[in-house]
Amino acid sequence: MSKVLIVANGEWPKQFDVETVGTYRVVVALDGAANRLIGSKMIPDILLGDLDSVSESVLEQCKASGVTIVHAPDQQSSDISKGLEWVQRTYPDSEVDIIGVEIGRYDHHLAAYSALFECNSDATILLDGWQARRVSQTPTDIETKPNSIFSLISFGDVTGATVKGCQFSLDNETLTTGTRGISNIATGHSITVSVKSGDLLLLIMR
């Protein structure tokens, strides 16, 4: 399975560096994220977005280096949604991580989470000390550490929410927007989560 990294134009998690980025088979820079990558001597494989934030010199260096340029000028979708949709079409069976979401704006955080649902994506958003991912209909084992904190956050109505391997289990529960599901605790080295319908976000401390 291909490992794809989507790099947005924000801060990286502290555990990420240029060497870590280099472990991915494909690196997709979203617009201005290419500035940081090129500045760190890291050439992305793909540069995608409306290209309004990437510097002219970096754009020219990307072209000269054979980077695939995907101009996506649509202003109705975020760069993360554009990147997820492109990766789903081009690398449909890939394992996808996203970094660069944290830029000090809460609307960008929420937009990144919403993009997972908008694109029906199984990508993982890597945050500083946390991970975020969409809960799918297929029961999924998520690696964790005993006593790690995690939260399930419903975006609207959710049916069939199930979580095992934690202090407060759920079994085919109905959830709605609210605080139920916040601050659960893993009891072992993994939890298992699934949902029958609706948009359910898993945030887990790493």
N, C-alpha and C. Protein backbone atom coordinates (compact mmCIF):
# COMPACT_ATOMS: atom_id res chain seq x y z
N MET A 1 0.84 -1.19 0.00
CA MET A 1 0.00 0.00 0.00
C MET A 1 0.88 1.25 0.00
N SER A 2 0.59 2.20 -0.89
CA SER A 2 1.35 3.44 -0.96
C SER A 2 1.07 4.32 0.25
N LYS A 3 2.11 4.99 0.74
CA LYS A 3 1.94 5.96 1.82
C LYS A 3 2.06 7.34 1.22
N VAL A 4 1.00 8.12 1.38
CA VAL A 4 0.95 9.46 0.81
C VAL A 4 0.85 10.47 1.93
N LEU A 5 1.64 11.53 1.84
CA LEU A 5 1.59 12.61 2.81
C LEU A 5 1.09 13.87 2.13
N ILE A 6 0.01 14.44 2.67
CA ILE A 6 -0.50 15.73 2.20
C ILE A 6 -0.02 16.79 3.19
N VAL A 7 0.70 17.79 2.67
CA VAL A 7 1.27 18.83 3.52
C VAL A 7 0.53 20.13 3.27
N ALA A 8 -0.20 20.60 4.28
CA ALA A 8 -0.89 21.89 4.19
C ALA A 8 0.05 23.00 4.68
N ASN A 9 -0.39 24.23 4.50
CA ASN A 9 0.48 25.38 4.74
C ASN A 9 0.39 25.90 6.17
N GLY A 10 0.64 24.99 7.14
CA GLY A 10 0.61 25.37 8.55
C GLY A 10 1.75 24.70 9.29
N GLU A 11 1.70 24.77 10.62
CA GLU A 11 2.76 24.19 11.43
C GLU A 11 2.70 22.66 11.40
N TRP A 12 3.88 22.04 11.42
CA TRP A 12 3.97 20.59 11.46
C TRP A 12 3.96 20.11 12.91
N PRO A 13 3.49 18.88 13.16
CA PRO A 13 3.63 18.32 14.50
C PRO A 13 5.11 18.28 14.90
N LYS A 14 5.39 18.41 16.17
CA LYS A 14 6.78 18.47 16.63
C LYS A 14 7.57 17.22 16.26
N GLN A 15 6.89 16.07 16.15
CA GLN A 15 7.59 14.84 15.85
C GLN A 15 7.94 14.71 14.37
N PHE A 16 7.51 15.69 13.56
CA PHE A 16 7.76 15.63 12.12
C PHE A 16 8.96 16.48 11.76
N ASP A 17 9.78 15.94 10.84
CA ASP A 17 10.88 16.71 10.28
C ASP A 17 11.06 16.28 8.83
N VAL A 18 12.09 16.81 8.18
CA VAL A 18 12.29 16.51 6.77
C VAL A 18 12.55 15.02 6.56
N GLU A 19 13.28 14.38 7.48
CA GLU A 19 13.53 12.95 7.34
C GLU A 19 12.24 12.15 7.39
N THR A 20 11.34 12.53 8.29
CA THR A 20 10.05 11.83 8.39
C THR A 20 9.26 12.00 7.10
N VAL A 21 9.23 13.21 6.57
CA VAL A 21 8.53 13.45 5.30
C VAL A 21 9.08 12.54 4.22
N GLY A 22 10.38 12.31 4.24
CA GLY A 22 11.02 11.50 3.21
C GLY A 22 10.68 10.03 3.25
N THR A 23 10.02 9.56 4.31
CA THR A 23 9.64 8.16 4.39
C THR A 23 8.38 7.85 3.59
N TYR A 24 7.70 8.88 3.11
CA TYR A 24 6.47 8.67 2.32
C TYR A 24 6.82 8.49 0.85
N ARG A 25 6.04 7.64 0.20
CA ARG A 25 6.29 7.41 -1.23
C ARG A 25 5.92 8.63 -2.05
N VAL A 26 4.83 9.29 -1.67
CA VAL A 26 4.36 10.46 -2.41
C VAL A 26 4.10 11.60 -1.43
N VAL A 27 4.62 12.78 -1.74
CA VAL A 27 4.40 13.96 -0.91
C VAL A 27 3.66 15.00 -1.76
N VAL A 28 2.49 15.39 -1.27
CA VAL A 28 1.66 16.38 -1.97
C VAL A 28 1.70 17.68 -1.18
N ALA A 29 2.24 18.72 -1.78
CA ALA A 29 2.28 20.04 -1.15
C ALA A 29 1.06 20.83 -1.58
N LEU A 30 0.31 21.33 -0.61
CA LEU A 30 -0.85 22.15 -0.90
C LEU A 30 -0.42 23.62 -0.95
N ASP A 31 -0.34 24.13 -2.14
CA ASP A 31 -0.08 25.55 -2.36
C ASP A 31 1.17 26.02 -1.62
N GLY A 32 1.01 26.97 -0.67
CA GLY A 32 2.14 27.58 0.00
C GLY A 32 2.99 26.63 0.83
N ALA A 33 2.50 25.41 1.08
CA ALA A 33 3.32 24.42 1.80
C ALA A 33 4.60 24.11 1.04
N ALA A 34 4.57 24.31 -0.27
CA ALA A 34 5.78 24.06 -1.06
C ALA A 34 6.91 25.01 -0.67
N ASN A 35 6.59 26.21 -0.20
CA ASN A 35 7.63 27.15 0.21
C ASN A 35 8.49 26.56 1.33
N ARG A 36 7.83 25.98 2.32
CA ARG A 36 8.57 25.40 3.45
C ARG A 36 9.34 24.16 3.02
N LEU A 37 8.72 23.31 2.21
CA LEU A 37 9.39 22.09 1.77
C LEU A 37 10.64 22.43 0.96
N ILE A 38 10.50 23.31 0.00
CA ILE A 38 11.66 23.69 -0.82
C ILE A 38 12.72 24.38 0.04
N GLY A 39 12.27 25.20 0.99
CA GLY A 39 13.20 25.87 1.89
C GLY A 39 13.97 24.90 2.76
N SER A 40 13.39 23.71 2.96
CA SER A 40 14.05 22.66 3.75
C SER A 40 14.75 21.63 2.86
N LYS A 41 14.95 21.99 1.60
CA LYS A 41 15.63 21.12 0.63
C LYS A 41 14.86 19.84 0.35
N MET A 42 13.53 19.93 0.44
CA MET A 42 12.67 18.77 0.20
C MET A 42 11.79 19.09 -1.00
N ILE A 43 11.91 18.31 -2.07
CA ILE A 43 11.12 18.53 -3.27
C ILE A 43 9.86 17.69 -3.20
N PRO A 44 8.67 18.30 -3.21
CA PRO A 44 7.44 17.50 -3.23
C PRO A 44 7.27 16.80 -4.57
N ASP A 45 6.46 15.77 -4.57
CA ASP A 45 6.15 15.09 -5.83
C ASP A 45 5.04 15.82 -6.58
N ILE A 46 4.12 16.42 -5.79
CA ILE A 46 2.95 17.08 -6.37
C ILE A 46 2.82 18.45 -5.71
N LEU A 47 2.50 19.45 -6.50
CA LEU A 47 2.11 20.77 -5.98
C LEU A 47 0.69 21.02 -6.45
N LEU A 48 -0.23 21.19 -5.50
CA LEU A 48 -1.65 21.26 -5.83
C LEU A 48 -2.30 22.45 -5.13
N GLY A 49 -3.19 23.13 -5.84
CA GLY A 49 -3.95 24.23 -5.25
C GLY A 49 -4.19 25.32 -6.27
N ASP A 50 -4.70 26.46 -5.78
CA ASP A 50 -4.90 27.58 -6.69
C ASP A 50 -3.61 28.36 -6.93
N LEU A 51 -2.55 27.99 -6.19
CA LEU A 51 -1.19 28.51 -6.40
C LEU A 51 -1.08 30.00 -6.09
N ASP A 52 -1.93 30.50 -5.21
CA ASP A 52 -1.85 31.92 -4.87
C ASP A 52 -0.93 32.19 -3.69
N SER A 53 -0.47 31.12 -3.00
CA SER A 53 0.38 31.30 -1.83
C SER A 53 1.82 30.85 -2.06
N VAL A 54 2.06 30.10 -3.10
CA VAL A 54 3.41 29.63 -3.40
C VAL A 54 4.19 30.76 -4.07
N SER A 55 5.44 30.95 -3.65
CA SER A 55 6.24 32.03 -4.22
C SER A 55 6.61 31.71 -5.67
N GLU A 56 6.86 32.74 -6.44
CA GLU A 56 7.19 32.55 -7.85
C GLU A 56 8.47 31.75 -8.01
N SER A 57 9.46 32.02 -7.15
CA SER A 57 10.73 31.30 -7.26
C SER A 57 10.55 29.82 -6.93
N VAL A 58 9.72 29.52 -5.92
CA VAL A 58 9.47 28.12 -5.56
C VAL A 58 8.69 27.42 -6.66
N LEU A 59 7.72 28.12 -7.24
CA LEU A 59 6.96 27.53 -8.35
C LEU A 59 7.88 27.19 -9.51
N GLU A 60 8.79 28.09 -9.84
CA GLU A 60 9.72 27.83 -10.94
C GLU A 60 10.66 26.68 -10.60
N GLN A 61 11.09 26.59 -9.32
CA GLN A 61 11.96 25.48 -8.93
C GLN A 61 11.22 24.15 -9.00
N CYS A 62 9.95 24.17 -8.62
CA CYS A 62 9.15 22.94 -8.74
C CYS A 62 9.03 22.50 -10.19
N LYS A 63 8.78 23.45 -11.07
CA LYS A 63 8.68 23.11 -12.50
C LYS A 63 9.99 22.56 -13.02
N ALA A 64 11.10 23.19 -12.62
CA ALA A 64 12.41 22.76 -13.09
C ALA A 64 12.79 21.39 -12.54
N SER A 65 12.22 21.03 -11.37
CA SER A 65 12.54 19.76 -10.73
C SER A 65 11.62 18.63 -11.16
N GLY A 66 10.68 18.91 -12.05
CA GLY A 66 9.78 17.87 -12.54
C GLY A 66 8.62 17.57 -11.64
N VAL A 67 8.33 18.49 -10.70
CA VAL A 67 7.17 18.30 -9.83
C VAL A 67 5.88 18.38 -10.66
N THR A 68 4.95 17.48 -10.40
CA THR A 68 3.66 17.53 -11.07
C THR A 68 2.85 18.69 -10.50
N ILE A 69 2.46 19.63 -11.35
CA ILE A 69 1.70 20.80 -10.93
C ILE A 69 0.23 20.56 -11.24
N VAL A 70 -0.60 20.58 -10.21
CA VAL A 70 -2.05 20.41 -10.39
C VAL A 70 -2.72 21.71 -9.99
N HIS A 71 -3.11 22.49 -10.99
CA HIS A 71 -3.76 23.77 -10.72
C HIS A 71 -5.24 23.52 -10.44
N ALA A 72 -5.66 23.84 -9.22
CA ALA A 72 -7.05 23.61 -8.80
C ALA A 72 -7.62 24.93 -8.30
N PRO A 73 -8.15 25.76 -9.19
CA PRO A 73 -8.55 27.12 -8.81
C PRO A 73 -9.90 27.22 -8.11
N ASP A 74 -10.64 26.12 -7.97
CA ASP A 74 -11.96 26.16 -7.36
C ASP A 74 -11.90 26.80 -5.97
N GLN A 75 -12.63 27.89 -5.78
CA GLN A 75 -12.64 28.60 -4.49
C GLN A 75 -13.74 28.10 -3.56
N GLN A 76 -14.53 27.13 -3.99
CA GLN A 76 -15.61 26.61 -3.17
C GLN A 76 -15.17 25.44 -2.29
N SER A 77 -13.96 24.93 -2.53
CA SER A 77 -13.43 23.81 -1.75
C SER A 77 -12.10 24.22 -1.14
N SER A 78 -11.79 23.67 0.04
CA SER A 78 -10.50 23.96 0.66
C SER A 78 -9.39 23.20 -0.05
N ASP A 79 -8.15 23.62 0.17
CA ASP A 79 -7.02 22.92 -0.43
C ASP A 79 -6.95 21.48 0.07
N ILE A 80 -7.31 21.25 1.34
CA ILE A 80 -7.26 19.89 1.86
C ILE A 80 -8.29 19.01 1.15
N SER A 81 -9.48 19.52 0.91
CA SER A 81 -10.48 18.75 0.16
C SER A 81 -9.99 18.46 -1.25
N LYS A 82 -9.39 19.46 -1.88
CA LYS A 82 -8.86 19.25 -3.24
C LYS A 82 -7.77 18.18 -3.22
N GLY A 83 -6.89 18.26 -2.20
CA GLY A 83 -5.81 17.28 -2.12
C GLY A 83 -6.33 15.87 -1.87
N LEU A 84 -7.30 15.74 -0.97
CA LEU A 84 -7.87 14.42 -0.68
C LEU A 84 -8.55 13.83 -1.92
N GLU A 85 -9.31 14.65 -2.62
CA GLU A 85 -10.00 14.16 -3.81
C GLU A 85 -9.00 13.72 -4.88
N TRP A 86 -7.93 14.49 -5.05
CA TRP A 86 -6.92 14.15 -6.05
C TRP A 86 -6.23 12.84 -5.68
N VAL A 87 -5.85 12.68 -4.43
CA VAL A 87 -5.19 11.46 -3.98
C VAL A 87 -6.12 10.26 -4.12
N GLN A 88 -7.39 10.42 -3.79
CA GLN A 88 -8.34 9.31 -3.93
C GLN A 88 -8.44 8.85 -5.37
N ARG A 89 -8.39 9.79 -6.31
CA ARG A 89 -8.46 9.42 -7.74
C ARG A 89 -7.16 8.79 -8.22
N THR A 90 -6.04 9.31 -7.76
CA THR A 90 -4.74 8.93 -8.30
C THR A 90 -4.12 7.75 -7.57
N TYR A 91 -4.31 7.69 -6.26
CA TYR A 91 -3.78 6.59 -5.43
C TYR A 91 -4.92 6.05 -4.57
N PRO A 92 -5.89 5.36 -5.19
CA PRO A 92 -7.13 5.00 -4.48
C PRO A 92 -6.93 4.05 -3.31
N ASP A 93 -5.85 3.29 -3.27
CA ASP A 93 -5.65 2.33 -2.19
C ASP A 93 -4.55 2.77 -1.23
N SER A 94 -4.25 4.04 -1.22
CA SER A 94 -3.13 4.53 -0.43
C SER A 94 -3.51 4.78 1.03
N GLU A 95 -2.50 4.80 1.88
CA GLU A 95 -2.64 5.21 3.27
C GLU A 95 -2.22 6.68 3.33
N VAL A 96 -3.12 7.54 3.79
CA VAL A 96 -2.89 8.98 3.66
C VAL A 96 -2.80 9.64 5.03
N ASP A 97 -1.75 10.43 5.22
CA ASP A 97 -1.60 11.28 6.40
C ASP A 97 -1.61 12.74 5.96
N ILE A 98 -2.05 13.61 6.86
CA ILE A 98 -2.11 15.05 6.59
C ILE A 98 -1.39 15.78 7.71
N ILE A 99 -0.49 16.71 7.37
CA ILE A 99 0.11 17.58 8.37
C ILE A 99 -0.04 19.03 7.90
N GLY A 100 0.29 19.97 8.78
CA GLY A 100 0.24 21.38 8.40
C GLY A 100 -1.11 22.02 8.58
N VAL A 101 -1.96 21.39 9.39
CA VAL A 101 -3.31 21.92 9.62
C VAL A 101 -3.29 23.06 10.64
N GLU A 102 -2.34 23.02 11.56
CA GLU A 102 -2.33 23.96 12.67
C GLU A 102 -1.68 25.29 12.27
N ILE A 103 -2.51 26.32 12.11
CA ILE A 103 -1.99 27.63 11.74
C ILE A 103 -2.56 28.72 12.64
N GLY A 104 -3.12 28.31 13.79
CA GLY A 104 -3.62 29.29 14.74
C GLY A 104 -5.03 29.77 14.45
N ARG A 105 -5.70 29.16 13.47
CA ARG A 105 -7.07 29.55 13.13
C ARG A 105 -7.99 28.35 13.34
N TYR A 106 -8.96 28.52 14.24
CA TYR A 106 -9.86 27.41 14.56
C TYR A 106 -10.74 27.04 13.38
N ASP A 107 -11.05 28.01 12.51
CA ASP A 107 -11.88 27.66 11.35
C ASP A 107 -11.14 26.70 10.43
N HIS A 108 -9.81 26.82 10.36
CA HIS A 108 -9.03 25.90 9.53
C HIS A 108 -9.02 24.50 10.14
N HIS A 109 -8.96 24.42 11.47
CA HIS A 109 -9.06 23.11 12.12
C HIS A 109 -10.38 22.44 11.76
N LEU A 110 -11.48 23.16 11.95
CA LEU A 110 -12.80 22.59 11.67
C LEU A 110 -12.96 22.24 10.20
N ALA A 111 -12.40 23.08 9.33
CA ALA A 111 -12.49 22.80 7.89
C ALA A 111 -11.72 21.52 7.54
N ALA A 112 -10.59 21.31 8.20
CA ALA A 112 -9.81 20.09 7.94
C ALA A 112 -10.59 18.85 8.36
N TYR A 113 -11.21 18.91 9.56
CA TYR A 113 -12.02 17.77 10.00
C TYR A 113 -13.20 17.55 9.04
N SER A 114 -13.84 18.63 8.66
CA SER A 114 -15.00 18.53 7.77
C SER A 114 -14.61 17.95 6.42
N ALA A 115 -13.39 18.22 5.97
CA ALA A 115 -12.94 17.69 4.69
C ALA A 115 -12.90 16.16 4.69
N LEU A 116 -12.61 15.56 5.83
CA LEU A 116 -12.61 14.10 5.91
C LEU A 116 -14.00 13.54 5.58
N PHE A 117 -15.04 14.22 6.09
CA PHE A 117 -16.41 13.78 5.81
C PHE A 117 -16.83 14.16 4.39
N GLU A 118 -16.46 15.35 3.98
CA GLU A 118 -16.81 15.83 2.64
C GLU A 118 -16.28 14.88 1.57
N CYS A 119 -15.08 14.35 1.80
CA CYS A 119 -14.43 13.49 0.82
C CYS A 119 -14.57 12.01 1.14
N ASN A 120 -15.29 11.69 2.23
CA ASN A 120 -15.45 10.29 2.65
C ASN A 120 -14.09 9.61 2.76
N SER A 121 -13.17 10.30 3.43
CA SER A 121 -11.76 9.89 3.45
C SER A 121 -11.39 9.19 4.74
N ASP A 122 -10.49 8.20 4.62
CA ASP A 122 -9.94 7.51 5.77
C ASP A 122 -8.57 8.06 6.16
N ALA A 123 -8.23 9.22 5.65
CA ALA A 123 -6.94 9.84 5.97
C ALA A 123 -6.86 10.17 7.45
N THR A 124 -5.63 10.26 7.95
CA THR A 124 -5.38 10.63 9.33
C THR A 124 -4.75 12.02 9.37
N ILE A 125 -5.33 12.91 10.14
CA ILE A 125 -4.75 14.24 10.35
C ILE A 125 -3.83 14.15 11.56
N LEU A 126 -2.55 14.43 11.35
CA LEU A 126 -1.56 14.38 12.41
C LEU A 126 -1.40 15.76 13.01
N LEU A 127 -1.74 15.87 14.28
CA LEU A 127 -1.66 17.13 15.01
C LEU A 127 -0.53 17.03 16.03
N ASP A 128 -0.26 18.10 16.74
CA ASP A 128 0.79 18.09 17.73
C ASP A 128 0.32 17.34 18.98
N GLY A 129 0.70 16.06 19.05
CA GLY A 129 0.30 15.22 20.18
C GLY A 129 -1.03 14.53 20.02
N TRP A 130 -1.72 14.76 18.91
CA TRP A 130 -3.03 14.17 18.68
C TRP A 130 -3.13 13.68 17.24
N GLN A 131 -4.13 12.84 17.00
CA GLN A 131 -4.50 12.44 15.65
C GLN A 131 -6.01 12.58 15.52
N ALA A 132 -6.46 12.85 14.30
CA ALA A 132 -7.90 12.94 14.03
C ALA A 132 -8.21 12.12 12.78
N ARG A 133 -9.33 11.41 12.83
CA ARG A 133 -9.74 10.63 11.66
C ARG A 133 -11.25 10.41 11.70
N ARG A 134 -11.80 10.18 10.54
CA ARG A 134 -13.22 9.87 10.41
C ARG A 134 -13.47 8.42 10.80
N VAL A 135 -14.52 8.18 11.56
CA VAL A 135 -14.91 6.81 11.91
C VAL A 135 -15.72 6.24 10.75
N SER A 136 -15.31 5.09 10.26
CA SER A 136 -15.97 4.49 9.10
C SER A 136 -16.96 3.41 9.52
N GLN A 137 -17.67 2.87 8.55
CA GLN A 137 -18.64 1.81 8.82
C GLN A 137 -17.96 0.47 9.08
N THR A 138 -16.73 0.33 8.62
CA THR A 138 -15.99 -0.90 8.85
C THR A 138 -15.30 -0.84 10.21
N PRO A 139 -15.55 -1.79 11.10
CA PRO A 139 -14.86 -1.77 12.39
C PRO A 139 -13.34 -1.70 12.20
N THR A 140 -12.72 -0.72 12.84
CA THR A 140 -11.31 -0.44 12.63
C THR A 140 -10.57 -0.44 13.96
N ASP A 141 -9.46 -1.19 14.01
CA ASP A 141 -8.61 -1.20 15.21
C ASP A 141 -7.63 -0.03 15.11
N ILE A 142 -7.64 0.81 16.12
CA ILE A 142 -6.76 1.97 16.17
C ILE A 142 -5.73 1.75 17.27
N GLU A 143 -4.46 1.74 16.89
CA GLU A 143 -3.39 1.56 17.88
C GLU A 143 -3.35 2.73 18.85
N THR A 144 -3.18 2.42 20.12
CA THR A 144 -3.11 3.47 21.13
C THR A 144 -2.23 2.98 22.27
N LYS A 145 -2.17 3.76 23.33
CA LYS A 145 -1.45 3.38 24.54
C LYS A 145 -2.46 3.29 25.68
N PRO A 146 -2.25 2.38 26.61
CA PRO A 146 -3.15 2.31 27.77
C PRO A 146 -3.22 3.66 28.48
N ASN A 147 -4.42 4.04 28.82
CA ASN A 147 -4.71 5.31 29.51
C ASN A 147 -4.65 6.54 28.61
N SER A 148 -4.50 6.33 27.30
CA SER A 148 -4.56 7.48 26.38
C SER A 148 -5.98 8.03 26.34
N ILE A 149 -6.08 9.33 26.26
CA ILE A 149 -7.38 10.00 26.16
C ILE A 149 -7.81 10.06 24.70
N PHE A 150 -9.08 9.81 24.45
CA PHE A 150 -9.62 10.03 23.11
C PHE A 150 -11.05 10.52 23.23
N SER A 151 -11.52 11.14 22.17
CA SER A 151 -12.90 11.64 22.13
C SER A 151 -13.55 11.29 20.81
N LEU A 152 -14.84 11.00 20.88
CA LEU A 152 -15.67 10.82 19.70
C LEU A 152 -16.61 12.02 19.61
N ILE A 153 -16.55 12.72 18.49
CA ILE A 153 -17.33 13.95 18.34
C ILE A 153 -18.26 13.79 17.14
N SER A 154 -19.55 13.91 17.40
CA SER A 154 -20.55 13.74 16.36
C SER A 154 -20.81 15.06 15.65
N PHE A 155 -20.75 15.03 14.33
CA PHE A 155 -21.13 16.17 13.50
C PHE A 155 -22.55 15.89 12.98
N GLY A 156 -23.55 16.26 13.76
CA GLY A 156 -24.92 15.94 13.40
C GLY A 156 -25.31 14.58 13.97
N ASP A 157 -26.36 13.97 13.41
CA ASP A 157 -26.88 12.71 13.93
C ASP A 157 -26.04 11.53 13.45
N VAL A 158 -25.75 10.62 14.38
CA VAL A 158 -24.95 9.43 14.10
C VAL A 158 -25.71 8.22 14.65
N THR A 159 -25.76 7.14 13.88
CA THR A 159 -26.37 5.90 14.36
C THR A 159 -25.34 4.79 14.36
N GLY A 160 -25.54 3.83 15.28
CA GLY A 160 -24.70 2.65 15.32
C GLY A 160 -23.27 2.91 15.75
N ALA A 161 -23.07 3.92 16.60
CA ALA A 161 -21.71 4.21 17.07
C ALA A 161 -21.27 3.11 18.05
N THR A 162 -20.11 2.52 17.77
CA THR A 162 -19.59 1.45 18.60
C THR A 162 -18.11 1.70 18.88
N VAL A 163 -17.71 1.57 20.13
CA VAL A 163 -16.29 1.67 20.49
C VAL A 163 -16.01 0.67 21.60
N LYS A 164 -14.92 -0.07 21.45
CA LYS A 164 -14.52 -1.08 22.42
C LYS A 164 -13.05 -0.87 22.79
N GLY A 165 -12.65 -1.44 23.92
CA GLY A 165 -11.28 -1.31 24.38
C GLY A 165 -11.03 -0.03 25.16
N CYS A 166 -12.06 0.43 25.86
CA CYS A 166 -11.97 1.71 26.54
C CYS A 166 -12.78 1.69 27.84
N GLN A 167 -12.66 2.73 28.59
CA GLN A 167 -13.35 2.81 29.88
C GLN A 167 -14.86 2.92 29.71
N PHE A 168 -15.29 3.68 28.69
CA PHE A 168 -16.73 3.89 28.47
C PHE A 168 -17.08 3.38 27.06
N SER A 169 -17.47 2.12 26.98
CA SER A 169 -17.78 1.51 25.69
C SER A 169 -19.11 2.01 25.16
N LEU A 170 -19.25 1.97 23.85
CA LEU A 170 -20.52 2.23 23.18
C LEU A 170 -20.86 1.02 22.33
N ASP A 171 -22.13 0.66 22.29
CA ASP A 171 -22.56 -0.49 21.51
C ASP A 171 -23.80 -0.12 20.71
N ASN A 172 -23.57 0.19 19.43
CA ASN A 172 -24.67 0.51 18.52
C ASN A 172 -25.51 1.68 19.03
N GLU A 173 -24.82 2.73 19.48
CA GLU A 173 -25.48 3.88 20.09
C GLU A 173 -25.84 4.94 19.04
N THR A 174 -26.86 5.73 19.37
CA THR A 174 -27.22 6.90 18.58
C THR A 174 -26.67 8.15 19.26
N LEU A 175 -25.94 8.96 18.50
CA LEU A 175 -25.36 10.19 19.03
C LEU A 175 -25.84 11.36 18.20
N THR A 176 -25.75 12.54 18.78
CA THR A 176 -26.02 13.76 18.04
C THR A 176 -25.01 14.80 18.50
N THR A 177 -25.02 15.96 17.85
CA THR A 177 -24.07 17.00 18.21
C THR A 177 -24.18 17.31 19.70
N GLY A 178 -23.06 17.23 20.40
CA GLY A 178 -23.07 17.44 21.85
C GLY A 178 -21.78 16.97 22.46
N THR A 179 -21.80 16.76 23.77
CA THR A 179 -20.57 16.43 24.48
C THR A 179 -20.46 14.95 24.86
N ARG A 180 -21.44 14.16 24.55
CA ARG A 180 -21.32 12.73 24.83
C ARG A 180 -20.24 12.14 23.93
N GLY A 181 -19.32 11.41 24.53
CA GLY A 181 -18.21 10.83 23.78
C GLY A 181 -16.89 11.53 24.03
N ILE A 182 -16.93 12.64 24.78
CA ILE A 182 -15.71 13.39 25.08
C ILE A 182 -14.95 12.73 26.23
N SER A 183 -13.61 12.73 26.14
CA SER A 183 -12.71 12.32 27.22
C SER A 183 -12.92 10.88 27.68
N ASN A 184 -12.86 9.97 26.72
CA ASN A 184 -12.83 8.55 27.04
C ASN A 184 -11.37 8.13 27.26
N ILE A 185 -11.15 6.91 27.78
CA ILE A 185 -9.80 6.47 28.08
C ILE A 185 -9.60 5.05 27.55
N ALA A 186 -8.54 4.85 26.77
CA ALA A 186 -8.20 3.52 26.27
C ALA A 186 -7.68 2.66 27.41
N THR A 187 -8.08 1.39 27.41
CA THR A 187 -7.64 0.49 28.47
C THR A 187 -6.53 -0.45 28.03
N GLY A 188 -6.26 -0.50 26.74
CA GLY A 188 -5.22 -1.39 26.23
C GLY A 188 -4.42 -0.72 25.12
N HIS A 189 -3.91 -1.54 24.23
CA HIS A 189 -3.03 -1.04 23.17
C HIS A 189 -3.79 -0.74 21.88
N SER A 190 -5.11 -0.88 21.90
CA SER A 190 -5.91 -0.52 20.73
C SER A 190 -7.36 -0.33 21.14
N ILE A 191 -8.08 0.46 20.35
CA ILE A 191 -9.52 0.55 20.47
C ILE A 191 -10.12 0.18 19.13
N THR A 192 -11.37 -0.26 19.14
CA THR A 192 -12.07 -0.61 17.91
C THR A 192 -13.28 0.29 17.78
N VAL A 193 -13.39 0.97 16.63
CA VAL A 193 -14.47 1.92 16.43
C VAL A 193 -15.18 1.66 15.11
N SER A 194 -16.47 1.98 15.08
CA SER A 194 -17.24 1.90 13.84
C SER A 194 -18.52 2.70 14.01
N VAL A 195 -19.19 2.95 12.90
CA VAL A 195 -20.46 3.69 12.91
C VAL A 195 -21.30 3.17 11.74
N LYS A 196 -22.60 3.18 11.89
CA LYS A 196 -23.47 2.73 10.80
C LYS A 196 -23.80 3.86 9.84
N SER A 197 -24.05 5.06 10.38
CA SER A 197 -24.34 6.20 9.52
C SER A 197 -24.00 7.49 10.26
N GLY A 198 -23.72 8.52 9.50
CA GLY A 198 -23.42 9.82 10.08
C GLY A 198 -21.94 10.11 10.15
N ASP A 199 -21.62 11.34 10.53
CA ASP A 199 -20.25 11.83 10.56
C ASP A 199 -19.74 11.86 12.00
N LEU A 200 -18.82 10.92 12.30
CA LEU A 200 -18.28 10.80 13.65
C LEU A 200 -16.76 10.94 13.57
N LEU A 201 -16.23 11.88 14.33
CA LEU A 201 -14.79 12.16 14.34
C LEU A 201 -14.13 11.54 15.56
N LEU A 202 -12.99 10.88 15.35
CA LEU A 202 -12.19 10.36 16.44
C LEU A 202 -10.96 11.24 16.62
N LEU A 203 -10.80 11.80 17.82
CA LEU A 203 -9.60 12.54 18.19
C LEU A 203 -8.90 11.75 19.28
N ILE A 204 -7.63 11.40 19.06
CA ILE A 204 -6.95 10.55 20.01
C ILE A 204 -5.57 11.11 20.34
N MET A 205 -5.23 11.09 21.62
CA MET A 205 -3.93 11.59 22.07
C MET A 205 -2.86 10.54 21.77
N ARG A 206 -1.73 10.99 21.23
CA ARG A 206 -0.66 10.09 20.87
C ARG A 206 0.57 10.31 21.74
